[in-house]
């Protein structure tokens, strides 16, 4: 989320792997909407492979997994976000709301006082 000139990103790690962050939550929400990893990735402008890698990272970091793939024909194919995945989405979005309150903290104002409006050109 952008707070004035400071970009604040809430990201949770699992070892050295980013388990969840804004892009992965967006992907989970797109899977809810499209019921497909392919369609969700496409809606977000990413390849199926990239979307699948992100889903795999999330599923390896959370227990139980956040996304379940459904094989077969007809209505029972595609992917769905598990109940745990839905809880992770809700908790992450709540954390983002709490993080937005940092704009009111004195430390934020101090940090912003040192921040340039634009980066200097490369040397």
PDB file of N, CA and C in Angstrom:
ATOM      1  N   UNK A   1       0.841  -1.177   0.000  1.00  0.00           N
ATOM      2  CA  UNK A   1       0.000   0.000   0.000  1.00  0.00           C
ATOM      3  C   UNK A   1       0.878   1.229   0.000  1.00  0.00           C
ATOM      4  N   UNK A   2       0.453   2.270  -0.648  1.00  0.00           N
ATOM      5  CA  UNK A   2       1.246   3.490  -0.696  1.00  0.00           C
ATOM      6  C   UNK A   2       0.730   4.445   0.364  1.00  0.00           C
ATOM      7  N   UNK A   3       1.653   4.926   1.166  1.00  0.00           N
ATOM      8  CA  UNK A   3       1.337   5.892   2.208  1.00  0.00           C
ATOM      9  C   UNK A   3       2.151   7.141   1.918  1.00  0.00           C
ATOM     10  N   UNK A   4       1.532   8.083   1.244  1.00  0.00           N
ATOM     11  CA  UNK A   4       2.291   9.260   0.861  1.00  0.00           C
ATOM     12  C   UNK A   4       3.407   8.836  -0.066  1.00  0.00           C
ATOM     13  N   UNK A   5       4.653   9.118   0.311  1.00  0.00           N
ATOM     14  CA  UNK A   5       5.794   8.765  -0.513  1.00  0.00           C
ATOM     15  C   UNK A   5       6.452   7.465  -0.063  1.00  0.00           C
ATOM     16  N   UNK A   6       5.977   6.877   0.995  1.00  0.00           N
ATOM     17  CA  UNK A   6       6.583   5.658   1.526  1.00  0.00           C
ATOM     18  C   UNK A   6       5.758   4.460   1.101  1.00  0.00           C
ATOM     19  N   UNK A   7       6.418   3.470   0.512  1.00  0.00           N
ATOM     20  CA  UNK A   7       5.748   2.246   0.092  1.00  0.00           C
ATOM     21  C   UNK A   7       5.876   1.251   1.227  1.00  0.00           C
ATOM     22  N   UNK A   8       4.757   0.825   1.763  1.00  0.00           N
ATOM     23  CA  UNK A   8       4.749  -0.120   2.862  1.00  0.00           C
ATOM     24  C   UNK A   8       4.232  -1.443   2.344  1.00  0.00           C
ATOM     25  N   UNK A   9       5.023  -2.498   2.542  1.00  0.00           N
ATOM     26  CA  UNK A   9       4.668  -3.823   2.035  1.00  0.00           C
ATOM     27  C   UNK A   9       4.681  -4.796   3.200  1.00  0.00           C
ATOM     28  N   UNK A  10       3.551  -5.441   3.441  1.00  0.00           N
ATOM     29  CA  UNK A  10       3.458  -6.447   4.485  1.00  0.00           C
ATOM     30  C   UNK A  10       3.773  -7.790   3.848  1.00  0.00           C
ATOM     31  N   UNK A  11       4.823  -8.439   4.337  1.00  0.00           N
ATOM     32  CA  UNK A  11       5.230  -9.725   3.789  1.00  0.00           C
ATOM     33  C   UNK A  11       5.666 -10.622   4.943  1.00  0.00           C
ATOM     34  N   UNK A  12       5.218 -11.879   4.913  1.00  0.00           N
ATOM     35  CA  UNK A  12       5.553 -12.859   5.943  1.00  0.00           C
ATOM     36  C   UNK A  12       6.413 -13.939   5.290  1.00  0.00           C
ATOM     37  N   UNK A  13       7.510 -14.299   5.942  1.00  0.00           N
ATOM     38  CA  UNK A  13       8.422 -15.295   5.387  1.00  0.00           C
ATOM     39  C   UNK A  13       8.265 -16.640   6.090  1.00  0.00           C
ATOM     40  N   UNK A  14       8.621 -17.667   5.348  1.00  0.00           N
ATOM     41  CA  UNK A  14       8.681 -19.041   5.845  1.00  0.00           C
ATOM     42  C   UNK A  14      10.106 -19.485   5.532  1.00  0.00           C
ATOM     43  N   UNK A  15      10.998 -19.426   6.524  1.00  0.00           N
ATOM     44  CA  UNK A  15      12.409 -19.633   6.228  1.00  0.00           C
ATOM     45  C   UNK A  15      12.889 -18.494   5.351  1.00  0.00           C
ATOM     46  N   UNK A  16      13.502 -18.812   4.224  1.00  0.00           N
ATOM     47  CA  UNK A  16      13.961 -17.795   3.273  1.00  0.00           C
ATOM     48  C   UNK A  16      12.934 -17.515   2.179  1.00  0.00           C
ATOM     49  N   UNK A  17      11.794 -18.181   2.232  1.00  0.00           N
ATOM     50  CA  UNK A  17      10.769 -18.052   1.194  1.00  0.00           C
ATOM     51  C   UNK A  17       9.684 -17.084   1.642  1.00  0.00           C
ATOM     52  N   UNK A  18       9.343 -16.100   0.795  1.00  0.00           N
ATOM     53  CA  UNK A  18       8.197 -15.249   1.126  1.00  0.00           C
ATOM     54  C   UNK A  18       6.926 -16.098   1.082  1.00  0.00           C
ATOM     55  N   UNK A  19       6.330 -16.359   2.243  1.00  0.00           N
ATOM     56  CA  UNK A  19       5.149 -17.219   2.316  1.00  0.00           C
ATOM     57  C   UNK A  19       3.903 -16.504   1.814  1.00  0.00           C
ATOM     58  N   UNK A  20       3.776 -15.237   2.173  1.00  0.00           N
ATOM     59  CA  UNK A  20       2.580 -14.479   1.776  1.00  0.00           C
ATOM     60  C   UNK A  20       2.944 -13.000   1.718  1.00  0.00           C
ATOM     61  N   UNK A  21       2.397 -12.337   0.737  1.00  0.00           N
ATOM     62  CA  UNK A  21       2.611 -10.910   0.548  1.00  0.00           C
ATOM     63  C   UNK A  21       1.498 -10.396  -0.351  1.00  0.00           C
ATOM     64  N   UNK A  22       1.567  -9.149  -0.753  1.00  0.00           N
ATOM     65  CA  UNK A  22       0.459  -8.567  -1.506  1.00  0.00           C
ATOM     66  C   UNK A  22       0.156  -9.276  -2.821  1.00  0.00           C
ATOM     67  N   UNK A  23       1.175  -9.679  -3.569  1.00  0.00           N
ATOM     68  CA  UNK A  23       0.944 -10.358  -4.843  1.00  0.00           C
ATOM     69  C   UNK A  23       0.311 -11.722  -4.668  1.00  0.00           C
ATOM     70  N   UNK A  24       0.769 -12.450  -3.657  1.00  0.00           N
ATOM     71  CA  UNK A  24       0.212 -13.785  -3.417  1.00  0.00           C
ATOM     72  C   UNK A  24      -1.234 -13.701  -2.925  1.00  0.00           C
ATOM     73  N   UNK A  25      -1.533 -12.706  -2.112  1.00  0.00           N
ATOM     74  CA  UNK A  25      -2.919 -12.534  -1.670  1.00  0.00           C
ATOM     75  C   UNK A  25      -3.797 -12.148  -2.854  1.00  0.00           C
ATOM     76  N   UNK A  26      -3.296 -11.285  -3.724  1.00  0.00           N
ATOM     77  CA  UNK A  26      -4.048 -10.951  -4.940  1.00  0.00           C
ATOM     78  C   UNK A  26      -4.308 -12.210  -5.767  1.00  0.00           C
ATOM     79  N   UNK A  27      -3.310 -13.086  -5.862  1.00  0.00           N
ATOM     80  CA  UNK A  27      -3.477 -14.332  -6.613  1.00  0.00           C
ATOM     81  C   UNK A  27      -4.524 -15.221  -5.957  1.00  0.00           C
ATOM     82  N   UNK A  28      -4.489 -15.347  -4.644  1.00  0.00           N
ATOM     83  CA  UNK A  28      -5.507 -16.140  -3.948  1.00  0.00           C
ATOM     84  C   UNK A  28      -6.911 -15.590  -4.229  1.00  0.00           C
ATOM     85  N   UNK A  29      -7.056 -14.279  -4.157  1.00  0.00           N
ATOM     86  CA  UNK A  29      -8.367 -13.668  -4.425  1.00  0.00           C
ATOM     87  C   UNK A  29      -8.798 -13.913  -5.869  1.00  0.00           C
ATOM     88  N   UNK A  30      -7.846 -13.893  -6.802  1.00  0.00           N
ATOM     89  CA  UNK A  30      -8.173 -14.168  -8.204  1.00  0.00           C
ATOM     90  C   UNK A  30      -8.569 -15.629  -8.390  1.00  0.00           C
ATOM     91  N   UNK A  31      -7.959 -16.540  -7.644  1.00  0.00           N
ATOM     92  CA  UNK A  31      -8.354 -17.950  -7.720  1.00  0.00           C
ATOM     93  C   UNK A  31      -9.770 -18.115  -7.183  1.00  0.00           C
ATOM     94  N   UNK A  32     -10.110 -17.402  -6.125  1.00  0.00           N
ATOM     95  CA  UNK A  32     -11.491 -17.426  -5.621  1.00  0.00           C
ATOM     96  C   UNK A  32     -12.445 -16.977  -6.724  1.00  0.00           C
ATOM     97  N   UNK A  33     -12.107 -15.894  -7.388  1.00  0.00           N
ATOM     98  CA  UNK A  33     -12.990 -15.317  -8.414  1.00  0.00           C
ATOM     99  C   UNK A  33     -13.093 -16.185  -9.661  1.00  0.00           C
ATOM    100  N   UNK A  34     -11.986 -16.807 -10.087  1.00  0.00           N
ATOM    101  CA  UNK A  34     -11.939 -17.505 -11.376  1.00  0.00           C
ATOM    102  C   UNK A  34     -11.956 -19.030 -11.277  1.00  0.00           C
ATOM    103  N   UNK A  35     -11.742 -19.547 -10.045  1.00  0.00           N
ATOM    104  CA  UNK A  35     -11.716 -20.989  -9.804  1.00  0.00           C
ATOM    105  C   UNK A  35     -10.728 -21.725 -10.707  1.00  0.00           C
ATOM    106  N   UNK A  36      -9.629 -21.068 -11.012  1.00  0.00           N
ATOM    107  CA  UNK A  36      -8.617 -21.636 -11.896  1.00  0.00           C
ATOM    108  C   UNK A  36      -7.313 -20.884 -11.686  1.00  0.00           C
ATOM    109  N   UNK A  37      -6.206 -21.623 -11.579  1.00  0.00           N
ATOM    110  CA  UNK A  37      -4.896 -20.982 -11.461  1.00  0.00           C
ATOM    111  C   UNK A  37      -4.548 -20.289 -12.775  1.00  0.00           C
ATOM    112  N   UNK A  38      -4.852 -20.943 -13.891  1.00  0.00           N
ATOM    113  CA  UNK A  38      -4.572 -20.354 -15.203  1.00  0.00           C
ATOM    114  C   UNK A  38      -5.314 -19.035 -15.379  1.00  0.00           C
ATOM    115  N   UNK A  39      -6.623 -19.047 -15.123  1.00  0.00           N
ATOM    116  CA  UNK A  39      -7.437 -17.839 -15.302  1.00  0.00           C
ATOM    117  C   UNK A  39      -7.039 -16.754 -14.306  1.00  0.00           C
ATOM    118  N   UNK A  40      -6.713 -17.148 -13.076  1.00  0.00           N
ATOM    119  CA  UNK A  40      -6.300 -16.177 -12.067  1.00  0.00           C
ATOM    120  C   UNK A  40      -4.997 -15.507 -12.486  1.00  0.00           C
ATOM    121  N   UNK A  41      -4.029 -16.306 -12.926  1.00  0.00           N
ATOM    122  CA  UNK A  41      -2.765 -15.744 -13.385  1.00  0.00           C
ATOM    123  C   UNK A  41      -2.959 -14.811 -14.560  1.00  0.00           C
ATOM    124  N   UNK A  42      -3.777 -15.237 -15.507  1.00  0.00           N
ATOM    125  CA  UNK A  42      -4.052 -14.415 -16.691  1.00  0.00           C
ATOM    126  C   UNK A  42      -4.678 -13.085 -16.273  1.00  0.00           C
ATOM    127  N   UNK A  43      -5.627 -13.133 -15.336  1.00  0.00           N
ATOM    128  CA  UNK A  43      -6.299 -11.912 -14.878  1.00  0.00           C
ATOM    129  C   UNK A  43      -5.307 -10.942 -14.232  1.00  0.00           C
ATOM    130  N   UNK A  44      -4.236 -11.486 -13.669  1.00  0.00           N
ATOM    131  CA  UNK A  44      -3.225 -10.648 -13.019  1.00  0.00           C
ATOM    132  C   UNK A  44      -2.032 -10.357 -13.925  1.00  0.00           C
ATOM    133  N   UNK A  45      -2.104 -10.818 -15.169  1.00  0.00           N
ATOM    134  CA  UNK A  45      -1.029 -10.552 -16.118  1.00  0.00           C
ATOM    135  C   UNK A  45       0.204 -11.414 -15.924  1.00  0.00           C
ATOM    136  N   UNK A  46       0.032 -12.612 -15.388  1.00  0.00           N
ATOM    137  CA  UNK A  46       1.183 -13.498 -15.210  1.00  0.00           C
ATOM    138  C   UNK A  46       0.940 -14.821 -15.912  1.00  0.00           C
ATOM    139  N   UNK A  47       2.009 -15.512 -16.215  1.00  0.00           N
ATOM    140  CA  UNK A  47       1.903 -16.799 -16.887  1.00  0.00           C
ATOM    141  C   UNK A  47       1.355 -17.842 -15.921  1.00  0.00           C
ATOM    142  N   UNK A  48       0.853 -18.931 -16.493  1.00  0.00           N
ATOM    143  CA  UNK A  48       0.396 -20.047 -15.663  1.00  0.00           C
ATOM    144  C   UNK A  48       1.552 -20.541 -14.808  1.00  0.00           C
ATOM    145  N   UNK A  49       2.735 -20.658 -15.412  1.00  0.00           N
ATOM    146  CA  UNK A  49       3.890 -21.166 -14.661  1.00  0.00           C
ATOM    147  C   UNK A  49       4.194 -20.302 -13.454  1.00  0.00           C
ATOM    148  N   UNK A  50       4.205 -18.983 -13.634  1.00  0.00           N
ATOM    149  CA  UNK A  50       4.474 -18.079 -12.511  1.00  0.00           C
ATOM    150  C   UNK A  50       3.409 -18.228 -11.437  1.00  0.00           C
ATOM    151  N   UNK A  51       2.143 -18.273 -11.845  1.00  0.00           N
ATOM    152  CA  UNK A  51       1.049 -18.428 -10.884  1.00  0.00           C
ATOM    153  C   UNK A  51       1.193 -19.752 -10.136  1.00  0.00           C
ATOM    154  N   UNK A  52       1.513 -20.821 -10.869  1.00  0.00           N
ATOM    155  CA  UNK A  52       1.646 -22.122 -10.240  1.00  0.00           C
ATOM    156  C   UNK A  52       2.806 -22.149  -9.253  1.00  0.00           C
ATOM    157  N   UNK A  53       3.934 -21.515  -9.596  1.00  0.00           N
ATOM    158  CA  UNK A  53       5.087 -21.452  -8.688  1.00  0.00           C
ATOM    159  C   UNK A  53       4.694 -20.736  -7.394  1.00  0.00           C
ATOM    160  N   UNK A  54       3.961 -19.637  -7.509  1.00  0.00           N
ATOM    161  CA  UNK A  54       3.530 -18.899  -6.321  1.00  0.00           C
ATOM    162  C   UNK A  54       2.581 -19.738  -5.465  1.00  0.00           C
ATOM    163  N   UNK A  55       1.641 -20.439  -6.110  1.00  0.00           N
ATOM    164  CA  UNK A  55       0.720 -21.318  -5.375  1.00  0.00           C
ATOM    165  C   UNK A  55       1.512 -22.416  -4.672  1.00  0.00           C
ATOM    166  N   UNK A  56       2.474 -22.996  -5.377  1.00  0.00           N
ATOM    167  CA  UNK A  56       3.287 -24.055  -4.790  1.00  0.00           C
ATOM    168  C   UNK A  56       4.061 -23.543  -3.576  1.00  0.00           C
ATOM    169  N   UNK A  57       4.638 -22.334  -3.667  1.00  0.00           N
ATOM    170  CA  UNK A  57       5.351 -21.750  -2.523  1.00  0.00           C
ATOM    171  C   UNK A  57       4.418 -21.598  -1.326  1.00  0.00           C
ATOM    172  N   UNK A  58       3.216 -21.068  -1.580  1.00  0.00           N
ATOM    173  CA  UNK A  58       2.262 -20.886  -0.484  1.00  0.00           C
ATOM    174  C   UNK A  58       1.881 -22.230   0.128  1.00  0.00           C
ATOM    175  N   UNK A  59       1.580 -23.203  -0.718  1.00  0.00           N
ATOM    176  CA  UNK A  59       1.156 -24.509  -0.209  1.00  0.00           C
ATOM    177  C   UNK A  59       2.263 -25.209   0.581  1.00  0.00           C
ATOM    178  N   UNK A  60       3.522 -24.969   0.224  1.00  0.00           N
ATOM    179  CA  UNK A  60       4.632 -25.573   0.958  1.00  0.00           C
ATOM    180  C   UNK A  60       4.886 -24.859   2.284  1.00  0.00           C
ATOM    181  N   UNK A  61       4.427 -23.617   2.401  1.00  0.00           N
ATOM    182  CA  UNK A  61       4.666 -22.838   3.620  1.00  0.00           C
ATOM    183  C   UNK A  61       3.528 -22.932   4.634  1.00  0.00           C
ATOM    184  N   UNK A  62       2.346 -23.260   4.217  1.00  0.00           N
ATOM    185  CA  UNK A  62       1.197 -23.277   5.121  1.00  0.00           C
ATOM    186  C   UNK A  62       0.681 -24.698   5.324  1.00  0.00           C
ATOM    187  N   UNK A  63       0.180 -24.959   6.519  1.00  0.00           N
ATOM    188  CA  UNK A  63      -0.397 -26.253   6.853  1.00  0.00           C
ATOM    189  C   UNK A  63      -1.730 -26.023   7.543  1.00  0.00           C
ATOM    190  N   UNK A  64      -2.821 -26.420   6.912  1.00  0.00           N
ATOM    191  CA  UNK A  64      -2.944 -27.092   5.626  1.00  0.00           C
ATOM    192  C   UNK A  64      -2.722 -26.124   4.459  1.00  0.00           C
ATOM    193  N   UNK A  65      -2.585 -26.680   3.241  1.00  0.00           N
ATOM    194  CA  UNK A  65      -2.357 -25.846   2.050  1.00  0.00           C
ATOM    195  C   UNK A  65      -3.472 -24.817   1.831  1.00  0.00           C
ATOM    196  N   UNK A  66      -3.129 -23.772   1.092  1.00  0.00           N
ATOM    197  CA  UNK A  66      -4.073 -22.679   0.837  1.00  0.00           C
ATOM    198  C   UNK A  66      -4.892 -22.874  -0.427  1.00  0.00           C
ATOM    199  N   UNK A  67      -4.354 -23.643  -1.380  1.00  0.00           N
ATOM    200  CA  UNK A  67      -5.035 -23.865  -2.658  1.00  0.00           C
ATOM    201  C   UNK A  67      -5.090 -25.359  -2.918  1.00  0.00           C
ATOM    202  N   UNK A  68      -6.250 -25.792  -3.366  1.00  0.00           N
ATOM    203  CA  UNK A  68      -6.462 -27.193  -3.712  1.00  0.00           C
ATOM    204  C   UNK A  68      -6.785 -27.261  -5.203  1.00  0.00           C
ATOM    205  N   UNK A  69      -6.076 -28.130  -5.907  1.00  0.00           N
ATOM    206  CA  UNK A  69      -6.377 -28.305  -7.331  1.00  0.00           C
ATOM    207  C   UNK A  69      -7.349 -29.474  -7.477  1.00  0.00           C
ATOM    208  N   UNK A  70      -8.268 -29.318  -8.403  1.00  0.00           N
ATOM    209  CA  UNK A  70      -9.301 -30.319  -8.643  1.00  0.00           C
ATOM    210  C   UNK A  70      -9.098 -30.883 -10.039  1.00  0.00           C
ATOM    211  N   UNK A  71      -8.891 -32.177 -10.112  1.00  0.00           N
ATOM    212  CA  UNK A  71      -8.674 -32.817 -11.410  1.00  0.00           C
ATOM    213  C   UNK A  71      -9.982 -33.421 -11.885  1.00  0.00           C
ATOM    214  N   UNK A  72     -10.045 -33.648 -13.189  1.00  0.00           N
ATOM    215  CA  UNK A  72     -11.239 -34.283 -13.746  1.00  0.00           C
ATOM    216  C   UNK A  72     -11.946 -33.378 -14.706  1.00  0.00           C
ATOM    217  N   UNK A  73     -13.069 -33.829 -15.183  1.00  0.00           N
ATOM    218  CA  UNK A  73     -13.829 -33.049 -16.158  1.00  0.00           C
ATOM    219  C   UNK A  73     -15.024 -32.373 -15.525  1.00  0.00           C
ATOM    220  N   UNK A  74     -15.723 -31.627 -16.322  1.00  0.00           N
ATOM    221  CA  UNK A  74     -16.962 -30.980 -15.879  1.00  0.00           C
ATOM    222  C   UNK A  74     -16.728 -29.932 -14.814  1.00  0.00           C
ATOM    223  N   UNK A  75     -17.678 -29.841 -13.885  1.00  0.00           N
ATOM    224  CA  UNK A  75     -17.639 -28.819 -12.836  1.00  0.00           C
ATOM    225  C   UNK A  75     -16.535 -29.050 -11.815  1.00  0.00           C
ATOM    226  N   UNK A  76     -16.079 -30.244 -11.672  1.00  0.00           N
ATOM    227  CA  UNK A  76     -15.111 -30.574 -10.630  1.00  0.00           C
ATOM    228  C   UNK A  76     -13.664 -30.480 -11.112  1.00  0.00           C
ATOM    229  N   UNK A  77     -13.324 -29.437 -11.818  1.00  0.00           N
ATOM    230  CA  UNK A  77     -11.934 -29.236 -12.217  1.00  0.00           C
ATOM    231  C   UNK A  77     -11.542 -27.798 -11.919  1.00  0.00           C
ATOM    232  N   UNK A  78     -10.259 -27.553 -11.944  1.00  0.00           N
ATOM    233  CA  UNK A  78      -9.765 -26.205 -11.674  1.00  0.00           C
ATOM    234  C   UNK A  78      -9.071 -26.145 -10.334  1.00  0.00           C
ATOM    235  N   UNK A  79      -9.272 -25.059  -9.602  1.00  0.00           N
ATOM    236  CA  UNK A  79      -8.629 -24.864  -8.308  1.00  0.00           C
ATOM    237  C   UNK A  79      -9.567 -24.101  -7.397  1.00  0.00           C
ATOM    238  N   UNK A  80      -9.369 -24.311  -6.114  1.00  0.00           N
ATOM    239  CA  UNK A  80     -10.151 -23.531  -5.153  1.00  0.00           C
ATOM    240  C   UNK A  80      -9.280 -23.182  -3.968  1.00  0.00           C
ATOM    241  N   UNK A  81      -9.591 -22.075  -3.346  1.00  0.00           N
ATOM    242  CA  UNK A  81      -8.918 -21.655  -2.127  1.00  0.00           C
ATOM    243  C   UNK A  81      -9.569 -22.418  -0.976  1.00  0.00           C
ATOM    244  N   UNK A  82      -8.744 -23.035  -0.154  1.00  0.00           N
ATOM    245  CA  UNK A  82      -9.243 -23.821   0.971  1.00  0.00           C
ATOM    246  C   UNK A  82      -9.762 -22.893   2.074  1.00  0.00           C
ATOM    247  N   UNK A  83     -10.462 -23.437   3.065  1.00  0.00           N
ATOM    248  CA  UNK A  83     -10.862 -22.598   4.207  1.00  0.00           C
ATOM    249  C   UNK A  83      -9.661 -21.921   4.888  1.00  0.00           C
ATOM    250  N   UNK A  84      -8.537 -22.622   4.971  1.00  0.00           N
ATOM    251  CA  UNK A  84      -7.330 -21.999   5.529  1.00  0.00           C
ATOM    252  C   UNK A  84      -6.886 -20.840   4.652  1.00  0.00           C
ATOM    253  N   UNK A  85      -6.944 -21.023   3.327  1.00  0.00           N
ATOM    254  CA  UNK A  85      -6.597 -19.952   2.409  1.00  0.00           C
ATOM    255  C   UNK A  85      -7.481 -18.730   2.604  1.00  0.00           C
ATOM    256  N   UNK A  86      -8.770 -18.958   2.810  1.00  0.00           N
ATOM    257  CA  UNK A  86      -9.700 -17.843   3.044  1.00  0.00           C
ATOM    258  C   UNK A  86      -9.349 -17.112   4.341  1.00  0.00           C
ATOM    259  N   UNK A  87      -8.955 -17.860   5.369  1.00  0.00           N
ATOM    260  CA  UNK A  87      -8.538 -17.247   6.633  1.00  0.00           C
ATOM    261  C   UNK A  87      -7.256 -16.437   6.463  1.00  0.00           C
ATOM    262  N   UNK A  88      -6.327 -16.960   5.674  1.00  0.00           N
ATOM    263  CA  UNK A  88      -5.070 -16.252   5.429  1.00  0.00           C
ATOM    264  C   UNK A  88      -5.352 -14.941   4.678  1.00  0.00           C
ATOM    265  N   UNK A  89      -6.235 -14.981   3.682  1.00  0.00           N
ATOM    266  CA  UNK A  89      -6.609 -13.752   2.963  1.00  0.00           C
ATOM    267  C   UNK A  89      -7.161 -12.727   3.948  1.00  0.00           C
ATOM    268  N   UNK A  90      -8.115 -13.145   4.780  1.00  0.00           N
ATOM    269  CA  UNK A  90      -8.757 -12.221   5.728  1.00  0.00           C
ATOM    270  C   UNK A  90      -7.741 -11.657   6.721  1.00  0.00           C
ATOM    271  N   UNK A  91      -6.867 -12.515   7.258  1.00  0.00           N
ATOM    272  CA  UNK A  91      -5.873 -12.053   8.225  1.00  0.00           C
ATOM    273  C   UNK A  91      -4.888 -11.085   7.579  1.00  0.00           C
ATOM    274  N   UNK A  92      -4.463 -11.390   6.350  1.00  0.00           N
ATOM    275  CA  UNK A  92      -3.514 -10.521   5.656  1.00  0.00           C
ATOM    276  C   UNK A  92      -4.135  -9.149   5.399  1.00  0.00           C
ATOM    277  N   UNK A  93      -5.364  -9.126   4.903  1.00  0.00           N
ATOM    278  CA  UNK A  93      -6.016  -7.836   4.618  1.00  0.00           C
ATOM    279  C   UNK A  93      -6.217  -7.029   5.903  1.00  0.00           C
ATOM    280  N   UNK A  94      -6.493  -7.719   7.006  1.00  0.00           N
ATOM    281  CA  UNK A  94      -6.607  -7.026   8.294  1.00  0.00           C
ATOM    282  C   UNK A  94      -5.255  -6.440   8.708  1.00  0.00           C
ATOM    283  N   UNK A  95      -4.181  -7.197   8.507  1.00  0.00           N
ATOM    284  CA  UNK A  95      -2.844  -6.693   8.810  1.00  0.00           C
ATOM    285  C   UNK A  95      -2.527  -5.457   7.972  1.00  0.00           C
ATOM    286  N   UNK A  96      -2.928  -5.465   6.712  1.00  0.00           N
ATOM    287  CA  UNK A  96      -2.697  -4.286   5.864  1.00  0.00           C
ATOM    288  C   UNK A  96      -3.403  -3.056   6.423  1.00  0.00           C
ATOM    289  N   UNK A  97      -4.621  -3.248   6.907  1.00  0.00           N
ATOM    290  CA  UNK A  97      -5.363  -2.118   7.485  1.00  0.00           C
ATOM    291  C   UNK A  97      -4.646  -1.574   8.716  1.00  0.00           C
ATOM    292  N   UNK A  98      -4.138  -2.478   9.559  1.00  0.00           N
ATOM    293  CA  UNK A  98      -3.405  -2.035  10.748  1.00  0.00           C
ATOM    294  C   UNK A  98      -2.101  -1.347  10.346  1.00  0.00           C
ATOM    295  N   UNK A  99      -1.438  -1.861   9.331  1.00  0.00           N
ATOM    296  CA  UNK A  99      -0.184  -1.264   8.879  1.00  0.00           C
ATOM    297  C   UNK A  99      -0.412   0.147   8.331  1.00  0.00           C
ATOM    298  N   UNK A 100      -1.577   0.390   7.746  1.00  0.00           N
ATOM    299  CA  UNK A 100      -1.875   1.718   7.207  1.00  0.00           C
ATOM    300  C   UNK A 100      -1.885   2.777   8.306  1.00  0.00           C
ATOM    301  N   UNK A 101      -2.153   2.353   9.539  1.00  0.00           N
ATOM    302  CA  UNK A 101      -2.172   3.297  10.663  1.00  0.00           C
ATOM    303  C   UNK A 101      -0.782   3.828  10.990  1.00  0.00           C
ATOM    304  N   UNK A 102       0.247   3.247  10.397  1.00  0.00           N
ATOM    305  CA  UNK A 102       1.619   3.722  10.649  1.00  0.00           C
ATOM    306  C   UNK A 102       1.779   5.174  10.204  1.00  0.00           C
ATOM    307  N   UNK A 103       0.961   5.616   9.283  1.00  0.00           N
ATOM    308  CA  UNK A 103       1.002   6.992   8.789  1.00  0.00           C
ATOM    309  C   UNK A 103       0.844   7.996   9.934  1.00  0.00           C
ATOM    310  N   UNK A 104       0.227   7.565  11.020  1.00  0.00           N
ATOM    311  CA  UNK A 104      -0.017   8.460  12.151  1.00  0.00           C
ATOM    312  C   UNK A 104       1.088   8.392  13.206  1.00  0.00           C
ATOM    313  N   UNK A 105       2.084   7.553  13.011  1.00  0.00           N
ATOM    314  CA  UNK A 105       3.141   7.355  13.996  1.00  0.00           C
ATOM    315  C   UNK A 105       4.260   8.386  13.828  1.00  0.00           C
ATOM    316  N   UNK A 106       4.826   8.869  14.943  1.00  0.00           N
ATOM    317  CA  UNK A 106       5.937   9.828  14.856  1.00  0.00           C
ATOM    318  C   UNK A 106       7.141   9.284  14.079  1.00  0.00           C
ATOM    319  N   UNK A 107       7.415   8.008  14.198  1.00  0.00           N
ATOM    320  CA  UNK A 107       8.563   7.430  13.484  1.00  0.00           C
ATOM    321  C   UNK A 107       8.372   7.548  11.974  1.00  0.00           C
ATOM    322  N   UNK A 108       7.155   7.418  11.518  1.00  0.00           N
ATOM    323  CA  UNK A 108       6.871   7.557  10.090  1.00  0.00           C
ATOM    324  C   UNK A 108       7.191   8.981   9.638  1.00  0.00           C
ATOM    325  N   UNK A 109       6.780   9.969  10.418  1.00  0.00           N
ATOM    326  CA  UNK A 109       7.053  11.369  10.066  1.00  0.00           C
ATOM    327  C   UNK A 109       8.564  11.627  10.050  1.00  0.00           C
ATOM    328  N   UNK A 110       9.298  11.042  11.009  1.00  0.00           N
ATOM    329  CA  UNK A 110      10.764  11.215  11.027  1.00  0.00           C
ATOM    330  C   UNK A 110      11.389  10.597   9.789  1.00  0.00           C
ATOM    331  N   UNK A 111      10.978   9.401   9.449  1.00  0.00           N
ATOM    332  CA  UNK A 111      11.520   8.728   8.280  1.00  0.00           C
ATOM    333  C   UNK A 111      11.222   9.519   7.004  1.00  0.00           C
ATOM    334  N   UNK A 112      10.009   9.986   6.872  1.00  0.00           N
ATOM    335  CA  UNK A 112       9.632  10.768   5.692  1.00  0.00           C
ATOM    336  C   UNK A 112      10.426  12.054   5.589  1.00  0.00           C
ATOM    337  N   UNK A 113      10.845  12.619   6.720  1.00  0.00           N
ATOM    338  CA  UNK A 113      11.592  13.883   6.669  1.00  0.00           C
ATOM    339  C   UNK A 113      12.938  13.709   5.965  1.00  0.00           C
ATOM    340  N   UNK A 114      13.453  12.487   5.890  1.00  0.00           N
ATOM    341  CA  UNK A 114      14.720  12.212   5.212  1.00  0.00           C
ATOM    342  C   UNK A 114      14.530  11.701   3.786  1.00  0.00           C
ATOM    343  N   UNK A 115      13.333  11.421   3.397  1.00  0.00           N
ATOM    344  CA  UNK A 115      13.064  10.789   2.109  1.00  0.00           C
ATOM    345  C   UNK A 115      13.047  11.838   0.994  1.00  0.00           C
ATOM    346  N   UNK A 116      13.775  11.570  -0.073  1.00  0.00           N
ATOM    347  CA  UNK A 116      13.763  12.452  -1.235  1.00  0.00           C
ATOM    348  C   UNK A 116      12.428  12.298  -1.978  1.00  0.00           C
ATOM    349  N   UNK A 117      11.999  13.329  -2.696  1.00  0.00           N
ATOM    350  CA  UNK A 117      10.763  13.193  -3.493  1.00  0.00           C
ATOM    351  C   UNK A 117      10.939  12.206  -4.650  1.00  0.00           C
ATOM    352  N   UNK A 118      12.151  12.149  -5.193  1.00  0.00           N
ATOM    353  CA  UNK A 118      12.504  11.239  -6.299  1.00  0.00           C
ATOM    354  C   UNK A 118      13.917  10.741  -6.064  1.00  0.00           C
ATOM    355  N   UNK A 119      14.239   9.527  -6.519  1.00  0.00           N
ATOM    356  CA  UNK A 119      15.631   9.066  -6.377  1.00  0.00           C
ATOM    357  C   UNK A 119      16.576   9.898  -7.241  1.00  0.00           C
ATOM    358  N   UNK A 120      17.814   9.996  -6.796  1.00  0.00           N
ATOM    359  CA  UNK A 120      18.838  10.650  -7.612  1.00  0.00           C
ATOM    360  C   UNK A 120      19.100   9.791  -8.848  1.00  0.00           C
ATOM    361  N   UNK A 121      19.539  10.401  -9.934  1.00  0.00           N
ATOM    362  CA  UNK A 121      19.897   9.602 -11.110  1.00  0.00           C
ATOM    363  C   UNK A 121      21.061   8.676 -10.784  1.00  0.00           C
ATOM    364  N   UNK A 122      21.171   7.560 -11.489  1.00  0.00           N
ATOM    365  CA  UNK A 122      22.306   6.662 -11.241  1.00  0.00           C
ATOM    366  C   UNK A 122      23.636   7.375 -11.477  1.00  0.00           C
ATOM    367  N   UNK A 123      24.627   6.977 -10.710  1.00  0.00           N
ATOM    368  CA  UNK A 123      25.955   7.609 -10.832  1.00  0.00           C
ATOM    369  C   UNK A 123      26.669   7.170 -12.088  1.00  0.00           C
TER     370      UNK A 123
END
